[in-house]
Amino acid sequence: MSFHNPGYLFLLLLFVPLVFWYFWKMRKSDASMQISSLRGLDKFPKSTKIKIMSMPFVFRCLAIAAIIFAIARPQLSNTWNSHNAEGIDIMIAMDISSTMLGEDLKPNRLEAAKTVAIDFINSRPNDNIGFVLFARESFTQCPMTTDHAVLINLLSSVNYGMIEDGTAIGLGLANAVSRIKEGKAKSKVIILLTDGSNNAGDIAPATAAELAKTFDIRVYTIGVGSFGIVNLRLPTPAGMRTFQMDSEFDEQTLKNIATATGGMYFHATNNAKLKSIYKAIDELEKTKFRVQNFSKHTEIFHIFAAIALISIVLEFILRKIILKRMP
């Protein structure tokens, strides 16, 4: 139940001083008589008139409350909602080669990529999402699923060294295509993230891009890292050692993949830029919603008006007839 004029309900606060005034008046109007002892008086039953002495006041309060509810115009609402969500299929293809340990993103490129990807997954509750990893080889770490808790747990466990070092961009993209092409969603998207140039694998990036285009799959490519000298920490038999590398990657290939498939190319040089890229992709690939609303309001103020009228009549009968005081 809702009210068309809910502001009138504040008038119910008038009952606080009204009730206080009534009990104060009743206390002042009580007759008093001095007697030596009250013992034995409790044996006498109270008359019916004594028992219903406060009923006129109760009916008056009920009438006032009913009038307030009536002018607030209570309404019964019949509401029907239809909420349909159509998710999209998304595969994330992530490079985990040694160069992804570059520290121009904090704490390094790989950890930054994982953190931002997890935030992206959390923002897409209706989508089927999975991811593949690639270095010299490629494998599927998690097939497409709507169980994002499992997906995030598997993504969090990704580390350098799970695959032999190298950068097989074409193989990683082809693996992602093979996983997503059978999806039932109308919209299919691959997010390809790398910081290197294709130097391994039996499938060329251009061939993998044509394969994605054949299945109407858009590919958003992300080149990670800045150009120039970058520090990276690698595990060695002597422990973790810091090296310097000349950072560069094949931007043109990533641009060609995005263009061929109807996607877009992005370059992430720091954590904030990488986060903004995923946000941009999130905006570009909105899940489709269809919402239908139906609402019907039925006025029921007349019920409270009737209660007020009946209460006024009952108060009049009690006060003027049944509880009438003789002068």
C-alpha atoms as a PDB file:
ATOM      1  CA  MET A   1       0.000   0.000   0.000  1.00  0.00           C
ATOM      2  CA  SER A   2       1.183   3.503  -0.829  1.00  0.00           C
ATOM      3  CA  PHE A   3      -0.113   7.016  -0.201  1.00  0.00           C
ATOM      4  CA  HIS A   4      -0.800   9.734  -2.744  1.00  0.00           C
ATOM      5  CA  ASN A   5      -0.395  12.467  -0.076  1.00  0.00           C
ATOM      6  CA  PRO A   6       1.954  10.916   2.505  1.00  0.00           C
ATOM      7  CA  GLY A   7       2.745  14.289   4.100  1.00  0.00           C
ATOM      8  CA  TYR A   8      -0.598  14.261   5.899  1.00  0.00           C
ATOM      9  CA  LEU A   9       0.541  11.261   7.944  1.00  0.00           C
ATOM     10  CA  PHE A  10       2.604  13.639  10.076  1.00  0.00           C
ATOM     11  CA  LEU A  11      -0.712  14.732  11.605  1.00  0.00           C
ATOM     12  CA  LEU A  12      -0.640  11.451  13.520  1.00  0.00           C
ATOM     13  CA  LEU A  13       1.886  13.141  15.807  1.00  0.00           C
ATOM     14  CA  LEU A  14      -1.064  15.065  17.261  1.00  0.00           C
ATOM     15  CA  PHE A  15      -1.951  11.928  19.205  1.00  0.00           C
ATOM     16  CA  VAL A  16       0.982  12.469  21.559  1.00  0.00           C
ATOM     17  CA  PRO A  17      -0.389  15.632  23.229  1.00  0.00           C
ATOM     18  CA  LEU A  18      -3.977  14.364  22.845  1.00  0.00           C
ATOM     19  CA  VAL A  19      -3.347  11.164  24.794  1.00  0.00           C
ATOM     20  CA  PHE A  20      -1.325  13.059  27.386  1.00  0.00           C
ATOM     21  CA  TRP A  21      -4.164  15.588  27.828  1.00  0.00           C
ATOM     22  CA  TYR A  22      -6.753  12.814  28.202  1.00  0.00           C
ATOM     23  CA  PHE A  23      -4.959  10.978  30.999  1.00  0.00           C
ATOM     24  CA  TRP A  24      -4.147  14.244  32.767  1.00  0.00           C
ATOM     25  CA  LYS A  25      -7.821  15.238  32.615  1.00  0.00           C
ATOM     26  CA  MET A  26      -8.963  11.809  33.880  1.00  0.00           C
ATOM     27  CA  ARG A  27      -6.577  12.024  36.806  1.00  0.00           C
ATOM     28  CA  LYS A  28      -7.823  15.485  37.758  1.00  0.00           C
ATOM     29  CA  SER A  29     -11.496  14.489  37.453  1.00  0.00           C
ATOM     30  CA  ASP A  30     -11.323  11.434  39.709  1.00  0.00           C
ATOM     31  CA  ALA A  31     -13.509  11.801  42.801  1.00  0.00           C
ATOM     32  CA  SER A  32     -11.811  11.270  46.130  1.00  0.00           C
ATOM     33  CA  MET A  33     -13.109  10.131  49.464  1.00  0.00           C
ATOM     34  CA  GLN A  34     -11.165   9.570  52.647  1.00  0.00           C
ATOM     35  CA  ILE A  35     -11.822   6.248  54.332  1.00  0.00           C
ATOM     36  CA  SER A  36      -9.968   4.420  57.048  1.00  0.00           C
ATOM     37  CA  SER A  37      -9.086   1.347  54.960  1.00  0.00           C
ATOM     38  CA  LEU A  38      -9.380   0.084  51.362  1.00  0.00           C
ATOM     39  CA  ARG A  39      -9.446  -3.508  52.528  1.00  0.00           C
ATOM     40  CA  GLY A  40     -12.391  -5.378  51.098  1.00  0.00           C
ATOM     41  CA  LEU A  41     -13.236  -2.886  48.369  1.00  0.00           C
ATOM     42  CA  ASP A  42     -11.511  -4.992  45.742  1.00  0.00           C
ATOM     43  CA  LYS A  43     -14.214  -7.613  46.222  1.00  0.00           C
ATOM     44  CA  PHE A  44     -16.755  -5.357  44.587  1.00  0.00           C
ATOM     45  CA  PRO A  45     -16.820  -5.859  40.794  1.00  0.00           C
ATOM     46  CA  LYS A  46     -16.457  -2.878  38.505  1.00  0.00           C
ATOM     47  CA  SER A  47     -19.589  -1.921  36.646  1.00  0.00           C
ATOM     48  CA  THR A  48     -19.796  -2.139  32.876  1.00  0.00           C
ATOM     49  CA  LYS A  49     -19.882   1.643  32.638  1.00  0.00           C
ATOM     50  CA  ILE A  50     -16.602   1.905  34.523  1.00  0.00           C
ATOM     51  CA  LYS A  51     -15.001  -0.669  32.236  1.00  0.00           C
ATOM     52  CA  ILE A  52     -15.978   1.198  29.046  1.00  0.00           C
ATOM     53  CA  MET A  53     -15.401   4.688  30.441  1.00  0.00           C
ATOM     54  CA  SER A  54     -12.456   5.298  28.069  1.00  0.00           C
ATOM     55  CA  MET A  55     -14.113   3.822  24.977  1.00  0.00           C
ATOM     56  CA  PRO A  56     -15.457   7.175  23.683  1.00  0.00           C
ATOM     57  CA  PHE A  57     -11.907   8.547  23.715  1.00  0.00           C
ATOM     58  CA  VAL A  58     -10.650   5.427  21.914  1.00  0.00           C
ATOM     59  CA  PHE A  59     -13.312   5.816  19.203  1.00  0.00           C
ATOM     60  CA  ARG A  60     -12.480   9.513  18.882  1.00  0.00           C
ATOM     61  CA  CYS A  61      -8.792   8.717  18.355  1.00  0.00           C
ATOM     62  CA  LEU A  62      -9.701   6.007  15.860  1.00  0.00           C
ATOM     63  CA  ALA A  63     -11.925   8.458  13.950  1.00  0.00           C
ATOM     64  CA  ILE A  64      -9.163  11.100  13.821  1.00  0.00           C
ATOM     65  CA  ALA A  65      -6.591   8.540  12.661  1.00  0.00           C
ATOM     66  CA  ALA A  66      -8.954   7.196   9.991  1.00  0.00           C
ATOM     67  CA  ILE A  67      -9.635  10.725   8.712  1.00  0.00           C
ATOM     68  CA  ILE A  68      -5.889  11.404   8.484  1.00  0.00           C
ATOM     69  CA  PHE A  69      -5.357   8.172   6.549  1.00  0.00           C
ATOM     70  CA  ALA A  70      -8.282   9.023   4.252  1.00  0.00           C
ATOM     71  CA  ILE A  71      -6.939  12.476   3.306  1.00  0.00           C
ATOM     72  CA  ALA A  72      -3.485  10.905   2.732  1.00  0.00           C
ATOM     73  CA  ARG A  73      -5.232   8.860  -0.002  1.00  0.00           C
ATOM     74  CA  PRO A  74      -4.015   5.282   0.531  1.00  0.00           C
ATOM     75  CA  GLN A  75      -3.705   3.247  -2.651  1.00  0.00           C
ATOM     76  CA  LEU A  76      -3.175  -0.414  -3.405  1.00  0.00           C
ATOM     77  CA  SER A  77      -0.605  -0.954  -6.144  1.00  0.00           C
ATOM     78  CA  ASN A  78      -0.618  -3.878  -8.538  1.00  0.00           C
ATOM     79  CA  THR A  79       2.833  -3.898 -10.126  1.00  0.00           C
ATOM     80  CA  TRP A  80       4.279  -6.303 -12.660  1.00  0.00           C
ATOM     81  CA  ASN A  81       7.931  -6.303 -13.689  1.00  0.00           C
ATOM     82  CA  SER A  82       9.611  -8.194 -16.496  1.00  0.00           C
ATOM     83  CA  HIS A  83      13.416  -8.064 -16.393  1.00  0.00           C
ATOM     84  CA  ASN A  84      15.334  -9.921 -19.074  1.00  0.00           C
ATOM     85  CA  ALA A  85      19.103  -9.741 -19.413  1.00  0.00           C
ATOM     86  CA  GLU A  86      21.047 -11.056 -22.365  1.00  0.00           C
ATOM     87  CA  GLY A  87      24.721 -11.475 -21.536  1.00  0.00           C
ATOM     88  CA  ILE A  88      27.573 -11.627 -24.012  1.00  0.00           C
ATOM     89  CA  ASP A  89      30.434 -14.111 -24.374  1.00  0.00           C
ATOM     90  CA  ILE A  90      33.891 -12.812 -23.482  1.00  0.00           C
ATOM     91  CA  MET A  91      37.282 -14.520 -23.628  1.00  0.00           C
ATOM     92  CA  ILE A  92      40.386 -12.882 -22.195  1.00  0.00           C
ATOM     93  CA  ALA A  93      43.650 -13.933 -23.856  1.00  0.00           C
ATOM     94  CA  MET A  94      46.511 -12.941 -21.549  1.00  0.00           C
ATOM     95  CA  ASP A  95      50.239 -12.966 -22.244  1.00  0.00           C
ATOM     96  CA  ILE A  96      52.261 -14.448 -19.330  1.00  0.00           C
ATOM     97  CA  SER A  97      55.718 -14.346 -20.892  1.00  0.00           C
ATOM     98  CA  SER A  98      58.761 -13.104 -18.950  1.00  0.00           C
ATOM     99  CA  THR A  99      58.448  -9.540 -20.258  1.00  0.00           C
ATOM    100  CA  MET A 100      55.100  -9.290 -18.436  1.00  0.00           C
ATOM    101  CA  LEU A 101      57.179  -8.976 -15.262  1.00  0.00           C
ATOM    102  CA  GLY A 102      58.264  -5.499 -16.358  1.00  0.00           C
ATOM    103  CA  GLU A 103      57.863  -3.022 -13.520  1.00  0.00           C
ATOM    104  CA  ASP A 104      56.686   0.034 -15.462  1.00  0.00           C
ATOM    105  CA  LEU A 105      53.208  -1.019 -14.222  1.00  0.00           C
ATOM    106  CA  LYS A 106      52.944  -1.697 -10.510  1.00  0.00           C
ATOM    107  CA  PRO A 107      53.857  -4.098  -9.056  1.00  0.00           C
ATOM    108  CA  ASN A 108      54.458  -5.485 -12.557  1.00  0.00           C
ATOM    109  CA  ARG A 109      52.577  -5.805 -15.834  1.00  0.00           C
ATOM    110  CA  LEU A 110      51.187  -9.268 -15.123  1.00  0.00           C
ATOM    111  CA  GLU A 111      49.845  -8.465 -11.651  1.00  0.00           C
ATOM    112  CA  ALA A 112      48.363  -5.186 -12.873  1.00  0.00           C
ATOM    113  CA  ALA A 113      46.663  -7.007 -15.754  1.00  0.00           C
ATOM    114  CA  LYS A 114      45.206  -9.604 -13.361  1.00  0.00           C
ATOM    115  CA  THR A 115      43.894  -6.983 -10.933  1.00  0.00           C
ATOM    116  CA  VAL A 116      42.170  -4.912 -13.602  1.00  0.00           C
ATOM    117  CA  ALA A 117      40.753  -8.019 -15.297  1.00  0.00           C
ATOM    118  CA  ILE A 118      39.204  -9.125 -11.992  1.00  0.00           C
ATOM    119  CA  ASP A 119      37.535  -5.729 -11.588  1.00  0.00           C
ATOM    120  CA  PHE A 120      36.223  -6.048 -15.149  1.00  0.00           C
ATOM    121  CA  ILE A 121      34.795  -9.518 -14.442  1.00  0.00           C
ATOM    122  CA  ASN A 122      33.046  -8.243 -11.317  1.00  0.00           C
ATOM    123  CA  SER A 123      31.383  -5.511 -13.374  1.00  0.00           C
ATOM    124  CA  ARG A 124      29.882  -8.051 -15.835  1.00  0.00           C
ATOM    125  CA  PRO A 125      27.639 -10.338 -13.702  1.00  0.00           C
ATOM    126  CA  ASN A 126      25.455 -11.470 -16.639  1.00  0.00           C
ATOM    127  CA  ASP A 127      28.219 -12.477 -19.035  1.00  0.00           C
ATOM    128  CA  ASN A 128      29.873 -15.795 -19.824  1.00  0.00           C
ATOM    129  CA  ILE A 129      33.568 -15.103 -19.334  1.00  0.00           C
ATOM    130  CA  GLY A 130      36.635 -17.304 -19.653  1.00  0.00           C
ATOM    131  CA  PHE A 131      40.342 -16.823 -20.296  1.00  0.00           C
ATOM    132  CA  VAL A 132      43.276 -18.414 -22.022  1.00  0.00           C
ATOM    133  CA  LEU A 133      46.954 -17.923 -21.282  1.00  0.00           C
ATOM    134  CA  PHE A 134      49.781 -17.862 -23.756  1.00  0.00           C
ATOM    135  CA  ALA A 135      53.549 -17.581 -23.871  1.00  0.00           C
ATOM    136  CA  ARG A 136      55.385 -20.018 -26.200  1.00  0.00           C
ATOM    137  CA  GLU A 137      52.291 -22.254 -26.048  1.00  0.00           C
ATOM    138  CA  SER A 138      48.702 -21.541 -25.124  1.00  0.00           C
ATOM    139  CA  PHE A 139      46.146 -23.282 -22.932  1.00  0.00           C
ATOM    140  CA  THR A 140      42.704 -22.574 -21.523  1.00  0.00           C
ATOM    141  CA  GLN A 141      42.895 -21.718 -17.839  1.00  0.00           C
ATOM    142  CA  CYS A 142      39.101 -21.385 -17.520  1.00  0.00           C
ATOM    143  CA  PRO A 143      36.402 -22.033 -20.151  1.00  0.00           C
ATOM    144  CA  MET A 144      33.504 -19.592 -20.378  1.00  0.00           C
ATOM    145  CA  THR A 145      31.388 -19.611 -17.246  1.00  0.00           C
ATOM    146  CA  THR A 146      28.944 -17.491 -15.291  1.00  0.00           C
ATOM    147  CA  ASP A 147      30.493 -18.762 -12.045  1.00  0.00           C
ATOM    148  CA  HIS A 148      32.689 -15.719 -11.676  1.00  0.00           C
ATOM    149  CA  ALA A 149      33.931 -16.723  -8.215  1.00  0.00           C
ATOM    150  CA  VAL A 150      35.686 -19.756  -9.737  1.00  0.00           C
ATOM    151  CA  LEU A 151      36.885 -17.659 -12.658  1.00  0.00           C
ATOM    152  CA  ILE A 152      38.444 -15.032 -10.392  1.00  0.00           C
ATOM    153  CA  ASN A 153      40.048 -17.692  -8.195  1.00  0.00           C
ATOM    154  CA  LEU A 154      41.727 -19.264 -11.234  1.00  0.00           C
ATOM    155  CA  LEU A 155      42.808 -15.884 -12.574  1.00  0.00           C
ATOM    156  CA  SER A 156      44.336 -14.948  -9.220  1.00  0.00           C
ATOM    157  CA  SER A 157      46.486 -18.089  -9.319  1.00  0.00           C
ATOM    158  CA  VAL A 158      48.106 -17.218 -12.672  1.00  0.00           C
ATOM    159  CA  ASN A 159      51.875 -16.743 -12.462  1.00  0.00           C
ATOM    160  CA  TYR A 160      54.894 -16.463 -14.731  1.00  0.00           C
ATOM    161  CA  GLY A 161      56.480 -19.829 -15.512  1.00  0.00           C
ATOM    162  CA  MET A 162      53.262 -21.796 -16.079  1.00  0.00           C
ATOM    163  CA  ILE A 163      54.227 -22.030 -19.777  1.00  0.00           C
ATOM    164  CA  GLU A 164      57.616 -22.065 -21.516  1.00  0.00           C
ATOM    165  CA  ASP A 165      58.737 -18.522 -22.266  1.00  0.00           C
ATOM    166  CA  GLY A 166      57.956 -16.914 -25.602  1.00  0.00           C
ATOM    167  CA  THR A 167      55.139 -14.915 -27.223  1.00  0.00           C
ATOM    168  CA  ALA A 168      52.719 -16.808 -29.443  1.00  0.00           C
ATOM    169  CA  ILE A 169      50.108 -14.116 -30.081  1.00  0.00           C
ATOM    170  CA  GLY A 170      48.505 -15.930 -33.023  1.00  0.00           C
ATOM    171  CA  LEU A 171      48.239 -19.186 -31.089  1.00  0.00           C
ATOM    172  CA  GLY A 172      46.751 -17.459 -28.052  1.00  0.00           C
ATOM    173  CA  LEU A 173      44.143 -15.680 -30.185  1.00  0.00           C
ATOM    174  CA  ALA A 174      43.275 -18.854 -32.106  1.00  0.00           C
ATOM    175  CA  ASN A 175      42.809 -20.740 -28.834  1.00  0.00           C
ATOM    176  CA  ALA A 176      40.442 -18.021 -27.596  1.00  0.00           C
ATOM    177  CA  VAL A 177      38.480 -18.176 -30.862  1.00  0.00           C
ATOM    178  CA  SER A 178      38.093 -21.953 -30.611  1.00  0.00           C
ATOM    179  CA  ARG A 179      36.687 -21.568 -27.099  1.00  0.00           C
ATOM    180  CA  ILE A 180      34.230 -18.777 -27.828  1.00  0.00           C
ATOM    181  CA  LYS A 181      32.973 -19.605 -31.329  1.00  0.00           C
ATOM    182  CA  GLU A 182      30.406 -22.142 -30.094  1.00  0.00           C
ATOM    183  CA  GLY A 183      28.919 -19.734 -27.566  1.00  0.00           C
ATOM    184  CA  LYS A 184      25.169 -19.108 -27.787  1.00  0.00           C
ATOM    185  CA  ALA A 185      25.295 -15.350 -27.147  1.00  0.00           C
ATOM    186  CA  LYS A 186      24.688 -13.066 -30.113  1.00  0.00           C
ATOM    187  CA  SER A 187      27.693 -10.917 -29.182  1.00  0.00           C
ATOM    188  CA  LYS A 188      31.165 -12.459 -28.828  1.00  0.00           C
ATOM    189  CA  VAL A 189      34.259 -10.557 -27.737  1.00  0.00           C
ATOM    190  CA  ILE A 190      37.924 -11.400 -27.175  1.00  0.00           C
ATOM    191  CA  ILE A 191      40.252  -9.154 -25.161  1.00  0.00           C
ATOM    192  CA  LEU A 192      43.840  -9.836 -26.217  1.00  0.00           C
ATOM    193  CA  LEU A 193      46.518  -8.458 -23.889  1.00  0.00           C
ATOM    194  CA  THR A 194      50.234  -8.677 -24.646  1.00  0.00           C
ATOM    195  CA  ASP A 195      53.474  -6.716 -24.349  1.00  0.00           C
ATOM    196  CA  GLY A 196      55.538  -8.443 -27.031  1.00  0.00           C
ATOM    197  CA  SER A 197      55.845  -9.407 -30.666  1.00  0.00           C
ATOM    198  CA  ASN A 198      54.786 -12.745 -32.099  1.00  0.00           C
ATOM    199  CA  ASN A 199      57.895 -14.973 -31.993  1.00  0.00           C
ATOM    200  CA  ALA A 200      56.467 -18.453 -31.401  1.00  0.00           C
ATOM    201  CA  GLY A 201      53.605 -20.744 -32.373  1.00  0.00           C
ATOM    202  CA  ASP A 202      52.453 -22.207 -35.668  1.00  0.00           C
ATOM    203  CA  ILE A 203      49.613 -19.728 -36.279  1.00  0.00           C
ATOM    204  CA  ALA A 204      50.242 -16.198 -37.522  1.00  0.00           C
ATOM    205  CA  PRO A 205      48.332 -13.357 -35.809  1.00  0.00           C
ATOM    206  CA  ALA A 206      46.770 -12.347 -39.147  1.00  0.00           C
ATOM    207  CA  THR A 207      45.472 -15.897 -39.668  1.00  0.00           C
ATOM    208  CA  ALA A 208      43.963 -15.961 -36.164  1.00  0.00           C
ATOM    209  CA  ALA A 209      42.364 -12.563 -36.833  1.00  0.00           C
ATOM    210  CA  GLU A 210      40.738 -13.877 -40.022  1.00  0.00           C
ATOM    211  CA  LEU A 211      39.448 -16.852 -38.051  1.00  0.00           C
ATOM    212  CA  ALA A 212      37.875 -14.494 -35.500  1.00  0.00           C
ATOM    213  CA  LYS A 213      36.325 -12.428 -38.287  1.00  0.00           C
ATOM    214  CA  THR A 214      34.821 -15.574 -39.838  1.00  0.00           C
ATOM    215  CA  PHE A 215      32.909 -16.282 -36.619  1.00  0.00           C
ATOM    216  CA  ASP A 216      31.910 -12.622 -36.197  1.00  0.00           C
ATOM    217  CA  ILE A 217      34.052 -12.192 -33.074  1.00  0.00           C
ATOM    218  CA  ARG A 218      35.308  -8.720 -32.169  1.00  0.00           C
ATOM    219  CA  VAL A 219      38.839  -8.545 -30.810  1.00  0.00           C
ATOM    220  CA  TYR A 220      39.968  -5.698 -28.554  1.00  0.00           C
ATOM    221  CA  THR A 221      43.762  -5.656 -28.410  1.00  0.00           C
ATOM    222  CA  ILE A 222      45.754  -4.097 -25.560  1.00  0.00           C
ATOM    223  CA  GLY A 223      49.440  -3.375 -25.806  1.00  0.00           C
ATOM    224  CA  VAL A 224      50.859  -3.244 -22.283  1.00  0.00           C
ATOM    225  CA  GLY A 225      53.914  -1.284 -21.202  1.00  0.00           C
ATOM    226  CA  SER A 226      55.960   1.729 -22.137  1.00  0.00           C
ATOM    227  CA  PHE A 227      58.743   1.846 -24.693  1.00  0.00           C
ATOM    228  CA  GLY A 228      62.392   2.099 -23.646  1.00  0.00           C
ATOM    229  CA  ILE A 229      64.428   0.664 -20.779  1.00  0.00           C
ATOM    230  CA  VAL A 230      62.300  -1.122 -18.179  1.00  0.00           C
ATOM    231  CA  ASN A 231      63.289  -3.055 -15.051  1.00  0.00           C
ATOM    232  CA  LEU A 232      62.005  -6.581 -14.534  1.00  0.00           C
ATOM    233  CA  ARG A 233      62.591  -9.134 -11.800  1.00  0.00           C
ATOM    234  CA  LEU A 234      63.048 -12.742 -12.850  1.00  0.00           C
ATOM    235  CA  PRO A 235      63.509 -15.896 -10.780  1.00  0.00           C
ATOM    236  CA  THR A 236      66.978 -17.432 -11.221  1.00  0.00           C
ATOM    237  CA  PRO A 237      68.798 -20.326  -9.512  1.00  0.00           C
ATOM    238  CA  ALA A 238      70.361 -17.648  -7.295  1.00  0.00           C
ATOM    239  CA  GLY A 239      66.986 -16.163  -6.395  1.00  0.00           C
ATOM    240  CA  MET A 240      65.107 -13.164  -7.757  1.00  0.00           C
ATOM    241  CA  ARG A 241      67.321 -10.908  -9.853  1.00  0.00           C
ATOM    242  CA  THR A 242      66.588  -7.513 -11.401  1.00  0.00           C
ATOM    243  CA  PHE A 243      67.357  -7.068 -15.096  1.00  0.00           C
ATOM    244  CA  GLN A 244      66.871  -4.284 -17.593  1.00  0.00           C
ATOM    245  CA  MET A 245      65.217  -4.803 -20.951  1.00  0.00           C
ATOM    246  CA  ASP A 246      64.537  -2.637 -23.974  1.00  0.00           C
ATOM    247  CA  SER A 247      60.727  -2.669 -24.003  1.00  0.00           C
ATOM    248  CA  GLU A 248      58.981  -2.726 -27.366  1.00  0.00           C
ATOM    249  CA  PHE A 249      56.149  -4.628 -29.016  1.00  0.00           C
ATOM    250  CA  ASP A 250      54.511  -4.955 -32.400  1.00  0.00           C
ATOM    251  CA  GLU A 251      51.787  -2.307 -32.221  1.00  0.00           C
ATOM    252  CA  GLN A 252      50.949  -2.583 -35.894  1.00  0.00           C
ATOM    253  CA  THR A 253      50.016  -6.253 -35.599  1.00  0.00           C
ATOM    254  CA  LEU A 254      47.700  -5.515 -32.675  1.00  0.00           C
ATOM    255  CA  LYS A 255      46.102  -2.664 -34.614  1.00  0.00           C
ATOM    256  CA  ASN A 256      45.607  -4.930 -37.660  1.00  0.00           C
ATOM    257  CA  ILE A 257      43.917  -7.608 -35.535  1.00  0.00           C
ATOM    258  CA  ALA A 258      41.516  -5.068 -34.009  1.00  0.00           C
ATOM    259  CA  THR A 259      40.721  -3.457 -37.368  1.00  0.00           C
ATOM    260  CA  ALA A 260      40.114  -6.787 -39.130  1.00  0.00           C
ATOM    261  CA  THR A 261      37.610  -7.948 -36.508  1.00  0.00           C
ATOM    262  CA  GLY A 262      35.763  -4.682 -35.851  1.00  0.00           C
ATOM    263  CA  GLY A 263      37.402  -4.147 -32.471  1.00  0.00           C
ATOM    264  CA  MET A 264      39.746  -1.456 -31.167  1.00  0.00           C
ATOM    265  CA  TYR A 265      43.407  -1.185 -30.195  1.00  0.00           C
ATOM    266  CA  PHE A 266      44.523   0.352 -26.880  1.00  0.00           C
ATOM    267  CA  HIS A 267      47.934   1.104 -25.398  1.00  0.00           C
ATOM    268  CA  ALA A 268      48.339   0.904 -21.611  1.00  0.00           C
ATOM    269  CA  THR A 269      51.465   2.599 -20.296  1.00  0.00           C
ATOM    270  CA  ASN A 270      50.470   2.600 -16.600  1.00  0.00           C
ATOM    271  CA  ASN A 271      47.922   1.131 -14.181  1.00  0.00           C
ATOM    272  CA  ALA A 272      45.446   3.985 -14.521  1.00  0.00           C
ATOM    273  CA  LYS A 273      45.501   3.754 -18.318  1.00  0.00           C
ATOM    274  CA  LEU A 274      44.959  -0.001 -18.225  1.00  0.00           C
ATOM    275  CA  LYS A 275      41.995   0.432 -15.898  1.00  0.00           C
ATOM    276  CA  SER A 276      40.473   3.095 -18.153  1.00  0.00           C
ATOM    277  CA  ILE A 277      40.848   0.770 -21.154  1.00  0.00           C
ATOM    278  CA  TYR A 278      38.842  -1.992 -19.496  1.00  0.00           C
ATOM    279  CA  LYS A 279      36.260   0.616 -18.489  1.00  0.00           C
ATOM    280  CA  ALA A 280      36.020   1.763 -22.105  1.00  0.00           C
ATOM    281  CA  ILE A 281      35.509  -1.827 -23.276  1.00  0.00           C
ATOM    282  CA  ASP A 282      32.875  -2.260 -20.585  1.00  0.00           C
ATOM    283  CA  GLU A 283      31.024   0.763 -21.984  1.00  0.00           C
ATOM    284  CA  LEU A 284      31.349  -0.442 -25.576  1.00  0.00           C
ATOM    285  CA  GLU A 285      30.041  -3.934 -24.819  1.00  0.00           C
ATOM    286  CA  LYS A 286      26.911  -3.309 -22.783  1.00  0.00           C
ATOM    287  CA  THR A 287      24.733  -6.239 -21.790  1.00  0.00           C
ATOM    288  CA  LYS A 288      21.260  -5.965 -23.321  1.00  0.00           C
ATOM    289  CA  PHE A 289      18.334  -5.474 -20.942  1.00  0.00           C
ATOM    290  CA  ARG A 290      14.598  -5.461 -21.526  1.00  0.00           C
ATOM    291  CA  VAL A 291      12.436  -4.159 -18.709  1.00  0.00           C
ATOM    292  CA  GLN A 292       8.652  -3.912 -18.776  1.00  0.00           C
ATOM    293  CA  ASN A 293       6.745  -2.173 -15.999  1.00  0.00           C
ATOM    294  CA  PHE A 294       3.011  -2.187 -15.323  1.00  0.00           C
ATOM    295  CA  SER A 295       1.425  -0.483 -12.353  1.00  0.00           C
ATOM    296  CA  LYS A 296      -2.231  -0.026 -11.381  1.00  0.00           C
ATOM    297  CA  HIS A 297      -3.359   1.989  -8.341  1.00  0.00           C
ATOM    298  CA  THR A 298      -6.686   1.394  -6.562  1.00  0.00           C
ATOM    299  CA  GLU A 299      -7.972   4.105  -4.224  1.00  0.00           C
ATOM    300  CA  ILE A 300      -9.064   2.788  -0.788  1.00  0.00           C
ATOM    301  CA  PHE A 301      -9.544   6.063   1.110  1.00  0.00           C
ATOM    302  CA  HIS A 302     -13.281   5.340   1.321  1.00  0.00           C
ATOM    303  CA  ILE A 303     -12.579   2.418   3.665  1.00  0.00           C
ATOM    304  CA  PHE A 304     -10.893   4.726   6.151  1.00  0.00           C
ATOM    305  CA  ALA A 305     -13.663   7.316   5.688  1.00  0.00           C
ATOM    306  CA  ALA A 306     -16.211   4.641   6.607  1.00  0.00           C
ATOM    307  CA  ILE A 307     -14.161   3.642   9.668  1.00  0.00           C
ATOM    308  CA  ALA A 308     -14.090   7.308  10.745  1.00  0.00           C
ATOM    309  CA  LEU A 309     -17.864   7.658  10.357  1.00  0.00           C
ATOM    310  CA  ILE A 310     -18.593   4.474  12.305  1.00  0.00           C
ATOM    311  CA  SER A 311     -16.184   5.544  15.062  1.00  0.00           C
ATOM    312  CA  ILE A 312     -17.868   8.962  15.374  1.00  0.00           C
ATOM    313  CA  VAL A 313     -21.319   7.333  15.620  1.00  0.00           C
ATOM    314  CA  LEU A 314     -20.149   4.866  18.270  1.00  0.00           C
ATOM    315  CA  GLU A 315     -18.530   7.639  20.288  1.00  0.00           C
ATOM    316  CA  PHE A 316     -21.766   9.655  20.167  1.00  0.00           C
ATOM    317  CA  ILE A 317     -23.843   6.674  21.317  1.00  0.00           C
ATOM    318  CA  LEU A 318     -21.486   5.882  24.190  1.00  0.00           C
ATOM    319  CA  ARG A 319     -20.997   9.447  25.356  1.00  0.00           C
ATOM    320  CA  LYS A 320     -24.539  10.784  24.940  1.00  0.00           C
ATOM    321  CA  ILE A 321     -26.633   7.677  25.691  1.00  0.00           C
ATOM    322  CA  ILE A 322     -24.872   4.846  27.489  1.00  0.00           C
ATOM    323  CA  LEU A 323     -22.416   6.919  29.545  1.00  0.00           C
ATOM    324  CA  LYS A 324     -24.566  10.016  29.873  1.00  0.00           C
ATOM    325  CA  ARG A 325     -24.042  11.736  33.185  1.00  0.00           C
ATOM    326  CA  MET A 326     -26.920  13.170  35.062  1.00  0.00           C
ATOM    327  CA  PRO A 327     -26.416  16.766  36.236  1.00  0.00           C
END
